[in-house]
Amino acid sequence: MTVHRSARTAPHTAPTADGAPLGDRVHHVRSDELDGFAAISGGTVGSRRLWMGRVENPPLSATDNHHHGDSEAGIYVVSGHPVFVYHDGTREVRLAAEPGDFFLVPPFVPHREENPDPNEPAVVVIARTTQEPIKVSVPELYRFTPEEPS
């Protein structure tokens, strides 16, 4: 492990739920201590810019079509074989996942998660760049085209 002695940053001054400043210690959230789906959030450990949690999709299930607003979402597949679906502007694209796979869902990109397995749940860990677990339902998948800066 490399230690960078000169790379010191100032700790956050806002206290966490237990009163400790965020930058003063490593926070440990045990799997049986999740707040719903949330493990790392402002409410659990005082995080300011990161939300992280675990989601389990039951067998033969699918989410609605949705996006996560201006939040990026990083997804790690723990177990099962989920399918991530989005639209590339021409057709729906289906990305089948295996345990150990990672995905990035950019801000505002409509998508859907499916678990086609009839027996096994799909378990994923999600990290988002906003505190709130934003989920905006949309009636259908479509290609997201960012606006050009003026």
Protein backbone atom coordinates (compact mmCIF):
# COMPACT_ATOMS: atom_id res chain seq x y z
CA MET A 1 0.00 0.00 0.00
CA THR A 2 1.24 3.48 -0.86
CA VAL A 3 0.88 6.23 1.72
CA HIS A 4 0.87 9.84 0.53
CA ARG A 5 1.90 11.97 3.47
CA SER A 6 1.57 15.27 1.60
CA ALA A 7 -1.90 14.52 0.24
CA ARG A 8 -3.82 15.67 3.32
CA THR A 9 -7.23 17.22 2.96
CA ALA A 10 -9.22 19.06 5.55
CA PRO A 11 -11.84 16.93 7.30
CA HIS A 12 -15.52 17.74 6.90
CA THR A 13 -16.75 19.79 9.83
CA ALA A 14 -20.40 18.72 9.77
CA PRO A 15 -21.00 15.96 12.33
CA THR A 16 -22.45 12.58 11.40
CA ALA A 17 -25.51 11.05 13.05
CA ASP A 18 -23.35 9.87 15.97
CA GLY A 19 -21.68 13.29 16.36
CA ALA A 20 -18.25 12.44 14.87
CA PRO A 21 -16.91 14.60 12.03
CA LEU A 22 -17.10 12.74 8.72
CA GLY A 23 -13.40 13.20 7.89
CA ASP A 24 -12.06 11.90 11.19
CA ARG A 25 -12.71 8.19 10.89
CA VAL A 26 -13.66 5.27 8.69
CA HIS A 27 -17.33 4.37 9.04
CA HIS A 28 -18.37 0.71 9.19
CA VAL A 29 -21.94 -0.26 8.31
CA ARG A 30 -22.67 -3.94 8.91
CA SER A 31 -25.00 -5.75 6.52
CA ASP A 32 -27.64 -6.07 9.25
CA GLU A 33 -27.53 -2.30 9.92
CA LEU A 34 -28.81 -1.04 6.55
CA ASP A 35 -31.44 1.69 6.60
CA GLY A 36 -33.79 0.06 4.09
CA PHE A 37 -31.54 -0.24 1.02
CA ALA A 38 -29.11 2.48 2.12
CA ALA A 39 -25.73 1.63 3.64
CA ILE A 40 -23.75 4.82 2.96
CA SER A 41 -25.80 8.03 3.02
CA GLY A 42 -26.23 11.28 4.85
CA GLY A 43 -28.65 9.57 7.20
CA THR A 44 -26.50 6.55 8.01
CA VAL A 45 -22.94 7.91 8.24
CA GLY A 46 -23.15 11.61 7.35
CA SER A 47 -21.99 11.21 3.76
CA ARG A 48 -22.38 14.40 1.73
CA ARG A 49 -21.83 13.38 -1.90
CA LEU A 50 -22.24 9.61 -2.00
CA TRP A 51 -25.20 7.26 -1.62
CA MET A 52 -24.58 3.54 -1.61
CA GLY A 53 -26.89 0.64 -0.97
CA ARG A 54 -27.88 -2.93 -1.75
CA VAL A 55 -30.91 -3.91 -3.83
CA GLU A 56 -32.37 -7.37 -4.31
CA ASN A 57 -34.62 -8.01 -7.32
CA PRO A 58 -36.77 -11.13 -6.89
CA PRO A 59 -36.96 -13.88 -9.52
CA LEU A 60 -38.95 -13.04 -12.68
CA SER A 61 -39.13 -9.33 -11.85
CA ALA A 62 -38.50 -6.06 -13.67
CA THR A 63 -38.36 -2.45 -12.56
CA ASP A 64 -40.29 0.22 -14.39
CA ASN A 65 -38.50 2.36 -16.98
CA HIS A 66 -36.71 5.12 -15.08
CA HIS A 67 -33.66 7.35 -14.75
CA HIS A 68 -31.77 8.75 -11.77
CA GLY A 69 -31.88 12.48 -12.54
CA ASP A 70 -28.50 14.19 -12.44
CA SER A 71 -26.97 11.33 -10.47
CA GLU A 72 -24.46 8.89 -11.92
CA ALA A 73 -25.07 5.33 -10.76
CA GLY A 74 -22.38 2.69 -10.45
CA ILE A 75 -23.67 -0.87 -10.11
CA TYR A 76 -21.83 -3.99 -8.96
CA VAL A 77 -23.52 -7.39 -9.44
CA VAL A 78 -23.14 -9.45 -6.27
CA SER A 79 -25.21 -12.48 -7.30
CA GLY A 80 -27.76 -13.57 -9.85
CA HIS A 81 -27.97 -12.66 -13.51
CA PRO A 82 -29.72 -9.30 -13.92
CA VAL A 83 -30.30 -7.73 -17.33
CA PHE A 84 -29.91 -3.97 -17.82
CA VAL A 85 -32.01 -2.53 -20.65
CA TYR A 86 -31.69 0.89 -22.30
CA HIS A 87 -32.44 2.45 -25.72
CA ASP A 88 -29.58 3.38 -28.07
CA GLY A 89 -31.74 5.54 -30.36
CA THR A 90 -32.55 2.70 -32.73
CA ARG A 91 -33.53 -0.21 -30.52
CA GLU A 92 -33.58 -1.56 -26.99
CA VAL A 93 -30.22 -2.90 -25.89
CA ARG A 94 -30.11 -5.72 -23.32
CA LEU A 95 -26.91 -6.18 -21.31
CA ALA A 96 -26.84 -9.51 -19.46
CA ALA A 97 -24.76 -9.49 -16.28
CA GLU A 98 -22.83 -12.03 -14.27
CA PRO A 99 -21.71 -11.81 -10.63
CA GLY A 100 -18.66 -9.54 -10.45
CA ASP A 101 -19.73 -7.30 -13.37
CA PHE A 102 -19.88 -3.49 -13.06
CA PHE A 103 -22.12 -0.99 -14.86
CA LEU A 104 -22.23 2.80 -15.12
CA VAL A 105 -25.58 4.46 -15.73
CA PRO A 106 -24.99 8.11 -16.72
CA PRO A 107 -27.28 10.90 -15.47
CA PHE A 108 -30.77 11.06 -17.02
CA VAL A 109 -30.33 7.85 -19.09
CA PRO A 110 -33.61 5.89 -19.06
CA HIS A 111 -33.15 2.21 -18.30
CA ARG A 112 -34.76 -0.82 -16.68
CA GLU A 113 -33.40 -3.69 -14.60
CA GLU A 114 -34.80 -7.17 -15.13
CA ASN A 115 -34.26 -10.48 -13.39
CA PRO A 116 -35.36 -13.20 -15.84
CA ASP A 117 -34.23 -16.07 -13.60
CA PRO A 118 -37.21 -18.07 -12.28
CA ASN A 119 -35.42 -19.17 -9.10
CA GLU A 120 -32.57 -16.88 -8.05
CA PRO A 121 -32.82 -13.26 -6.88
CA ALA A 122 -30.41 -10.73 -8.39
CA VAL A 123 -28.47 -8.77 -5.77
CA VAL A 124 -26.62 -5.58 -6.72
CA VAL A 125 -24.75 -2.85 -4.88
CA ILE A 126 -25.47 0.65 -6.17
CA ALA A 127 -23.43 3.81 -5.64
CA ARG A 128 -24.89 7.18 -6.64
CA THR A 129 -23.41 10.65 -6.72
CA THR A 130 -26.38 12.25 -4.98
CA GLN A 131 -27.59 11.81 -1.43
CA GLU A 132 -31.13 10.90 -2.34
CA PRO A 133 -31.87 7.67 -4.21
CA ILE A 134 -33.47 9.55 -7.13
CA LYS A 135 -35.75 7.46 -9.34
CA VAL A 136 -37.82 9.20 -12.03
CA SER A 137 -40.27 6.87 -13.78
CA VAL A 138 -40.72 7.34 -17.54
CA PRO A 139 -43.41 5.77 -19.76
CA GLU A 140 -40.93 4.25 -22.21
CA LEU A 141 -37.24 3.89 -22.89
CA TYR A 142 -35.74 6.50 -25.22
CA ARG A 143 -32.29 7.69 -26.15
CA PHE A 144 -31.14 10.48 -23.89
CA THR A 145 -29.44 13.27 -25.81
CA PRO A 146 -27.70 15.88 -23.64
CA GLU A 147 -28.33 19.48 -24.59
CA GLU A 148 -25.50 21.24 -26.36
CA PRO A 149 -24.02 24.13 -24.31
CA SER A 150 -25.04 27.49 -25.74
